[in-house]
Each structure stands twice: as C-alpha cells, then as structure tokens.
Amino acid sequence: MGEYGNRALEGAKRKGAMACKTGFNRRSCPYEDHRTYRGAVTFSRAFIKAWLEGWDETNKELKDEDR
C-alpha cells in the first residue's frame, strides 16, 4: 500500500495525477466538500486532499522536466 494506507485514497491520488497528465486544471477536482446536517466536515476532504496532492506532484514533475 502507498503513503495513505487506504486503497480508496490512493486511487484518488492516482486520478489527480492522471487528470494533470491529460491536461485538466487543478480546479477540476471531482470531489466535493460534503458536510453533515449539523455542519460537521466529512471524510470527503481527505479525498479532495489526495486528489490535489496527486495533481500537484505530477504538475511539479512535468514542470521540472521542461527545465
């Protein structure tokens, strides 16, 4: 298993990396910030974070290759 220790989060990170490689911008993250009826945050933020980390890491790698 990867750095998250959770297959679903690893998948979200891979999807973010693939989105970057295929030309999607950072704001195209498909995960939404869901809240409970009382306004508490849910686990959805972990998926957002994982997707964005995948996108950011890949974007940095692609920029480093262009140098």
PDB file of N, CA and C in Angstrom:
ATOM      1  N   MET A   1       0.817  -1.178   0.000  1.00  0.00           N
ATOM      2  CA  MET A   1       0.000   0.000   0.000  1.00  0.00           C
ATOM      3  C   MET A   1       0.867   1.249   0.000  1.00  0.00           C
ATOM      4  N   GLY A   2       0.309   2.348  -0.412  1.00  0.00           N
ATOM      5  CA  GLY A   2       1.067   3.587  -0.525  1.00  0.00           C
ATOM      6  C   GLY A   2       1.112   4.384   0.752  1.00  0.00           C
ATOM      7  N   GLU A   3       1.353   5.660   0.590  1.00  0.00           N
ATOM      8  CA  GLU A   3       1.541   6.530   1.752  1.00  0.00           C
ATOM      9  C   GLU A   3       0.283   6.712   2.592  1.00  0.00           C
ATOM     10  N   TYR A   4      -0.888   6.516   2.012  1.00  0.00           N
ATOM     11  CA  TYR A   4      -2.125   6.700   2.762  1.00  0.00           C
ATOM     12  C   TYR A   4      -2.546   5.462   3.537  1.00  0.00           C
ATOM     13  N   GLY A   5      -2.177   4.305   3.064  1.00  0.00           N
ATOM     14  CA  GLY A   5      -2.610   3.082   3.714  1.00  0.00           C
ATOM     15  C   GLY A   5      -4.087   2.798   3.477  1.00  0.00           C
ATOM     16  N   ASN A   6      -4.642   3.416   2.451  1.00  0.00           N
ATOM     17  CA  ASN A   6      -6.055   3.277   2.136  1.00  0.00           C
ATOM     18  C   ASN A   6      -6.184   3.234   0.617  1.00  0.00           C
ATOM     19  N   ARG A   7      -6.719   2.149   0.101  1.00  0.00           N
ATOM     20  CA  ARG A   7      -6.788   1.974  -1.353  1.00  0.00           C
ATOM     21  C   ARG A   7      -7.637   3.041  -2.036  1.00  0.00           C
ATOM     22  N   ALA A   8      -8.699   3.461  -1.384  1.00  0.00           N
ATOM     23  CA  ALA A   8      -9.565   4.478  -1.984  1.00  0.00           C
ATOM     24  C   ALA A   8      -8.842   5.816  -2.111  1.00  0.00           C
ATOM     25  N   LEU A   9      -8.097   6.192  -1.086  1.00  0.00           N
ATOM     26  CA  LEU A   9      -7.356   7.455  -1.145  1.00  0.00           C
ATOM     27  C   LEU A   9      -6.201   7.372  -2.145  1.00  0.00           C
ATOM     28  N   GLU A  10      -5.564   6.214  -2.222  1.00  0.00           N
ATOM     29  CA  GLU A  10      -4.508   6.026  -3.223  1.00  0.00           C
ATOM     30  C   GLU A  10      -5.094   6.190  -4.629  1.00  0.00           C
ATOM     31  N   GLY A  11      -6.302   5.663  -4.822  1.00  0.00           N
ATOM     32  CA  GLY A  11      -6.966   5.811  -6.111  1.00  0.00           C
ATOM     33  C   GLY A  11      -7.279   7.259  -6.428  1.00  0.00           C
ATOM     34  N   ALA A  12      -7.701   8.018  -5.439  1.00  0.00           N
ATOM     35  CA  ALA A  12      -7.986   9.438  -5.643  1.00  0.00           C
ATOM     36  C   ALA A  12      -6.712  10.179  -6.032  1.00  0.00           C
ATOM     37  N   LYS A  13      -5.604   9.825  -5.409  1.00  0.00           N
ATOM     38  CA  LYS A  13      -4.330  10.472  -5.738  1.00  0.00           C
ATOM     39  C   LYS A  13      -3.909  10.132  -7.165  1.00  0.00           C
ATOM     40  N   ARG A  14      -4.065   8.859  -7.555  1.00  0.00           N
ATOM     41  CA  ARG A  14      -3.744   8.449  -8.929  1.00  0.00           C
ATOM     42  C   ARG A  14      -4.627   9.183  -9.936  1.00  0.00           C
ATOM     43  N   LYS A  15      -5.887   9.351  -9.598  1.00  0.00           N
ATOM     44  CA  LYS A  15      -6.798  10.059 -10.503  1.00  0.00           C
ATOM     45  C   LYS A  15      -6.398  11.520 -10.657  1.00  0.00           C
ATOM     46  N   GLY A  16      -5.946  12.136  -9.584  1.00  0.00           N
ATOM     47  CA  GLY A  16      -5.467  13.516  -9.671  1.00  0.00           C
ATOM     48  C   GLY A  16      -4.232  13.623 -10.550  1.00  0.00           C
ATOM     49  N   ALA A  17      -3.327  12.668 -10.407  1.00  0.00           N
ATOM     50  CA  ALA A  17      -2.122  12.662 -11.238  1.00  0.00           C
ATOM     51  C   ALA A  17      -2.487  12.472 -12.702  1.00  0.00           C
ATOM     52  N   MET A  18      -3.405  11.561 -12.979  1.00  0.00           N
ATOM     53  CA  MET A  18      -3.815  11.315 -14.359  1.00  0.00           C
ATOM     54  C   MET A  18      -4.522  12.534 -14.953  1.00  0.00           C
ATOM     55  N   ALA A  19      -5.314  13.209 -14.142  1.00  0.00           N
ATOM     56  CA  ALA A  19      -6.001  14.415 -14.618  1.00  0.00           C
ATOM     57  C   ALA A  19      -4.988  15.472 -15.038  1.00  0.00           C
ATOM     58  N   CYS A  20      -3.938  15.631 -14.261  1.00  0.00           N
ATOM     59  CA  CYS A  20      -2.895  16.601 -14.602  1.00  0.00           C
ATOM     60  C   CYS A  20      -2.199  16.208 -15.899  1.00  0.00           C
ATOM     61  N   LYS A  21      -1.856  14.930 -16.028  1.00  0.00           N
ATOM     62  CA  LYS A  21      -1.170  14.450 -17.230  1.00  0.00           C
ATOM     63  C   LYS A  21      -2.007  14.626 -18.485  1.00  0.00           C
ATOM     64  N   THR A  22      -3.321  14.538 -18.341  1.00  0.00           N
ATOM     65  CA  THR A  22      -4.188  14.640 -19.510  1.00  0.00           C
ATOM     66  C   THR A  22      -4.704  16.057 -19.756  1.00  0.00           C
ATOM     67  N   GLY A  23      -4.215  17.023 -18.979  1.00  0.00           N
ATOM     68  CA  GLY A  23      -4.493  18.420 -19.269  1.00  0.00           C
ATOM     69  C   GLY A  23      -5.615  19.074 -18.483  1.00  0.00           C
ATOM     70  N   PHE A  24      -6.181  18.388 -17.508  1.00  0.00           N
ATOM     71  CA  PHE A  24      -7.214  19.015 -16.693  1.00  0.00           C
ATOM     72  C   PHE A  24      -6.561  19.986 -15.707  1.00  0.00           C
ATOM     73  N   ASN A  25      -7.261  21.065 -15.399  1.00  0.00           N
ATOM     74  CA  ASN A  25      -6.680  22.022 -14.453  1.00  0.00           C
ATOM     75  C   ASN A  25      -6.982  21.596 -13.017  1.00  0.00           C
ATOM     76  N   ARG A  26      -6.337  22.266 -12.084  1.00  0.00           N
ATOM     77  CA  ARG A  26      -6.422  21.906 -10.665  1.00  0.00           C
ATOM     78  C   ARG A  26      -7.839  22.052 -10.119  1.00  0.00           C
ATOM     79  N   ARG A  27      -8.611  22.974 -10.672  1.00  0.00           N
ATOM     80  CA  ARG A  27      -9.968  23.199 -10.185  1.00  0.00           C
ATOM     81  C   ARG A  27     -10.965  22.151 -10.674  1.00  0.00           C
ATOM     82  N   SER A  28     -10.515  21.195 -11.459  1.00  0.00           N
ATOM     83  CA  SER A  28     -11.428  20.175 -11.984  1.00  0.00           C
ATOM     84  C   SER A  28     -11.570  18.981 -11.040  1.00  0.00           C
ATOM     85  N   CYS A  29     -11.134  19.127  -9.813  1.00  0.00           N
ATOM     86  CA  CYS A  29     -11.255  18.045  -8.823  1.00  0.00           C
ATOM     87  C   CYS A  29     -12.715  17.607  -8.724  1.00  0.00           C
ATOM     88  N   PRO A  30     -12.988  16.319  -8.922  1.00  0.00           N
ATOM     89  CA  PRO A  30     -14.374  15.855  -8.936  1.00  0.00           C
ATOM     90  C   PRO A  30     -14.994  15.670  -7.547  1.00  0.00           C
ATOM     91  N   TYR A  31     -14.197  15.762  -6.516  1.00  0.00           N
ATOM     92  CA  TYR A  31     -14.708  15.529  -5.165  1.00  0.00           C
ATOM     93  C   TYR A  31     -15.240  16.827  -4.572  1.00  0.00           C
ATOM     94  N   GLU A  32     -16.374  16.743  -3.925  1.00  0.00           N
ATOM     95  CA  GLU A  32     -16.996  17.916  -3.306  1.00  0.00           C
ATOM     96  C   GLU A  32     -16.876  17.841  -1.795  1.00  0.00           C
ATOM     97  N   ASP A  33     -16.895  19.004  -1.168  1.00  0.00           N
ATOM     98  CA  ASP A  33     -16.821  19.091   0.290  1.00  0.00           C
ATOM     99  C   ASP A  33     -18.215  18.860   0.867  1.00  0.00           C
ATOM    100  N   HIS A  34     -18.464  17.660   1.335  1.00  0.00           N
ATOM    101  CA  HIS A  34     -19.758  17.328   1.920  1.00  0.00           C
ATOM    102  C   HIS A  34     -19.725  17.569   3.425  1.00  0.00           C
ATOM    103  N   ARG A  35     -20.850  17.982   3.964  1.00  0.00           N
ATOM    104  CA  ARG A  35     -20.972  18.204   5.398  1.00  0.00           C
ATOM    105  C   ARG A  35     -22.187  17.472   5.933  1.00  0.00           C
ATOM    106  N   THR A  36     -22.150  17.192   7.207  1.00  0.00           N
ATOM    107  CA  THR A  36     -23.307  16.557   7.836  1.00  0.00           C
ATOM    108  C   THR A  36     -24.416  17.594   8.008  1.00  0.00           C
ATOM    109  N   TYR A  37     -25.575  17.151   8.393  1.00  0.00           N
ATOM    110  CA  TYR A  37     -26.688  18.094   8.570  1.00  0.00           C
ATOM    111  C   TYR A  37     -26.420  19.108   9.676  1.00  0.00           C
ATOM    112  N   ARG A  38     -25.483  18.798  10.566  1.00  0.00           N
ATOM    113  CA  ARG A  38     -25.106  19.739  11.627  1.00  0.00           C
ATOM    114  C   ARG A  38     -23.967  20.659  11.211  1.00  0.00           C
ATOM    115  N   GLY A  39     -23.429  20.434  10.023  1.00  0.00           N
ATOM    116  CA  GLY A  39     -22.353  21.286   9.520  1.00  0.00           C
ATOM    117  C   GLY A  39     -20.959  20.742   9.746  1.00  0.00           C
ATOM    118  N   ALA A  40     -20.844  19.571  10.349  1.00  0.00           N
ATOM    119  CA  ALA A  40     -19.519  18.987  10.576  1.00  0.00           C
ATOM    120  C   ALA A  40     -18.936  18.498   9.255  1.00  0.00           C
ATOM    121  N   VAL A  41     -17.631  18.512   9.149  1.00  0.00           N
ATOM    122  CA  VAL A  41     -16.979  18.044   7.925  1.00  0.00           C
ATOM    123  C   VAL A  41     -17.022  16.518   7.874  1.00  0.00           C
ATOM    124  N   THR A  42     -16.862  15.990   6.683  1.00  0.00           N
ATOM    125  CA  THR A  42     -16.883  14.546   6.479  1.00  0.00           C
ATOM    126  C   THR A  42     -15.536  14.095   5.912  1.00  0.00           C
ATOM    127  N   PHE A  43     -15.444  12.812   5.630  1.00  0.00           N
ATOM    128  CA  PHE A  43     -14.223  12.228   5.085  1.00  0.00           C
ATOM    129  C   PHE A  43     -13.946  12.715   3.666  1.00  0.00           C
ATOM    130  N   SER A  44     -14.886  13.413   3.054  1.00  0.00           N
ATOM    131  CA  SER A  44     -14.708  13.872   1.675  1.00  0.00           C
ATOM    132  C   SER A  44     -13.491  14.772   1.529  1.00  0.00           C
ATOM    133  N   ARG A  45     -13.129  15.478   2.568  1.00  0.00           N
ATOM    134  CA  ARG A  45     -11.950  16.350   2.477  1.00  0.00           C
ATOM    135  C   ARG A  45     -10.663  15.558   2.290  1.00  0.00           C
ATOM    136  N   ALA A  46     -10.622  14.350   2.792  1.00  0.00           N
ATOM    137  CA  ALA A  46      -9.439  13.510   2.586  1.00  0.00           C
ATOM    138  C   ALA A  46      -9.293  13.148   1.109  1.00  0.00           C
ATOM    139  N   PHE A  47     -10.416  12.902   0.437  1.00  0.00           N
ATOM    140  CA  PHE A  47     -10.363  12.605  -0.990  1.00  0.00           C
ATOM    141  C   PHE A  47      -9.943  13.824  -1.793  1.00  0.00           C
ATOM    142  N   ILE A  48     -10.441  14.984  -1.424  1.00  0.00           N
ATOM    143  CA  ILE A  48     -10.030  16.219  -2.094  1.00  0.00           C
ATOM    144  C   ILE A  48      -8.529  16.418  -1.933  1.00  0.00           C
ATOM    145  N   LYS A  49      -8.052  16.262  -0.722  1.00  0.00           N
ATOM    146  CA  LYS A  49      -6.625  16.450  -0.437  1.00  0.00           C
ATOM    147  C   LYS A  49      -5.772  15.467  -1.233  1.00  0.00           C
ATOM    148  N   ALA A  50      -6.173  14.204  -1.274  1.00  0.00           N
ATOM    149  CA  ALA A  50      -5.409  13.196  -2.010  1.00  0.00           C
ATOM    150  C   ALA A  50      -5.386  13.505  -3.498  1.00  0.00           C
ATOM    151  N   TRP A  51      -6.522  13.875  -4.069  1.00  0.00           N
ATOM    152  CA  TRP A  51      -6.600  14.197  -5.490  1.00  0.00           C
ATOM    153  C   TRP A  51      -5.689  15.378  -5.805  1.00  0.00           C
ATOM    154  N   LEU A  52      -5.761  16.421  -4.973  1.00  0.00           N
ATOM    155  CA  LEU A  52      -4.938  17.617  -5.204  1.00  0.00           C
ATOM    156  C   LEU A  52      -3.449  17.315  -5.046  1.00  0.00           C
ATOM    157  N   GLU A  53      -3.095  16.458  -4.097  1.00  0.00           N
ATOM    158  CA  GLU A  53      -1.685  16.087  -3.947  1.00  0.00           C
ATOM    159  C   GLU A  53      -1.184  15.360  -5.188  1.00  0.00           C
ATOM    160  N   GLY A  54      -1.987  14.465  -5.727  1.00  0.00           N
ATOM    161  CA  GLY A  54      -1.608  13.775  -6.953  1.00  0.00           C
ATOM    162  C   GLY A  54      -1.432  14.745  -8.109  1.00  0.00           C
ATOM    163  N   TRP A  55      -2.357  15.682  -8.220  1.00  0.00           N
ATOM    164  CA  TRP A  55      -2.279  16.676  -9.287  1.00  0.00           C
ATOM    165  C   TRP A  55      -1.046  17.564  -9.112  1.00  0.00           C
ATOM    166  N   ASP A  56      -0.836  18.062  -7.894  1.00  0.00           N
ATOM    167  CA  ASP A  56       0.289  18.970  -7.621  1.00  0.00           C
ATOM    168  C   ASP A  56       1.637  18.298  -7.854  1.00  0.00           C
ATOM    169  N   GLU A  57       1.786  17.059  -7.380  1.00  0.00           N
ATOM    170  CA  GLU A  57       3.055  16.353  -7.560  1.00  0.00           C
ATOM    171  C   GLU A  57       3.355  16.121  -9.041  1.00  0.00           C
ATOM    172  N   THR A  58       2.357  15.732  -9.786  1.00  0.00           N
ATOM    173  CA  THR A  58       2.550  15.494 -11.213  1.00  0.00           C
ATOM    174  C   THR A  58       2.846  16.799 -11.937  1.00  0.00           C
ATOM    175  N   ASN A  59       2.153  17.860 -11.573  1.00  0.00           N
ATOM    176  CA  ASN A  59       2.396  19.161 -12.190  1.00  0.00           C
ATOM    177  C   ASN A  59       3.839  19.614 -11.949  1.00  0.00           C
ATOM    178  N   LYS A  60       4.331  19.413 -10.739  1.00  0.00           N
ATOM    179  CA  LYS A  60       5.710  19.786 -10.421  1.00  0.00           C
ATOM    180  C   LYS A  60       6.689  18.967 -11.247  1.00  0.00           C
ATOM    181  N   GLU A  61       6.424  17.659 -11.353  1.00  0.00           N
ATOM    182  CA  GLU A  61       7.298  16.788 -12.144  1.00  0.00           C
ATOM    183  C   GLU A  61       7.324  17.217 -13.600  1.00  0.00           C
ATOM    184  N   LEU A  62       6.183  17.563 -14.144  1.00  0.00           N
ATOM    185  CA  LEU A  62       6.104  17.976 -15.551  1.00  0.00           C
ATOM    186  C   LEU A  62       6.848  19.297 -15.761  1.00  0.00           C
ATOM    187  N   LYS A  63       6.722  20.217 -14.811  1.00  0.00           N
ATOM    188  CA  LYS A  63       7.440  21.488 -14.923  1.00  0.00           C
ATOM    189  C   LYS A  63       8.945  21.278 -14.804  1.00  0.00           C
ATOM    190  N   ASP A  64       9.375  20.375 -13.919  1.00  0.00           N
ATOM    191  CA  ASP A  64      10.800  20.091 -13.755  1.00  0.00           C
ATOM    192  C   ASP A  64      11.379  19.477 -15.022  1.00  0.00           C
ATOM    193  N   GLU A  65      10.587  18.663 -15.732  1.00  0.00           N
ATOM    194  CA  GLU A  65      11.055  18.060 -16.988  1.00  0.00           C
ATOM    195  C   GLU A  65      11.266  19.105 -18.079  1.00  0.00           C
ATOM    196  N   ASP A  66      10.477  20.187 -18.042  1.00  0.00           N
ATOM    197  CA  ASP A  66      10.573  21.236 -19.057  1.00  0.00           C
ATOM    198  C   ASP A  66      11.808  22.113 -18.887  1.00  0.00           C
ATOM    199  N   ARG A  67      12.426  22.053 -17.755  1.00  0.00           N
ATOM    200  CA  ARG A  67      13.594  22.914 -17.498  1.00  0.00           C
ATOM    201  C   ARG A  67      14.799  22.441 -18.246  1.00  0.00           C
TER     202      ARG A  67
END
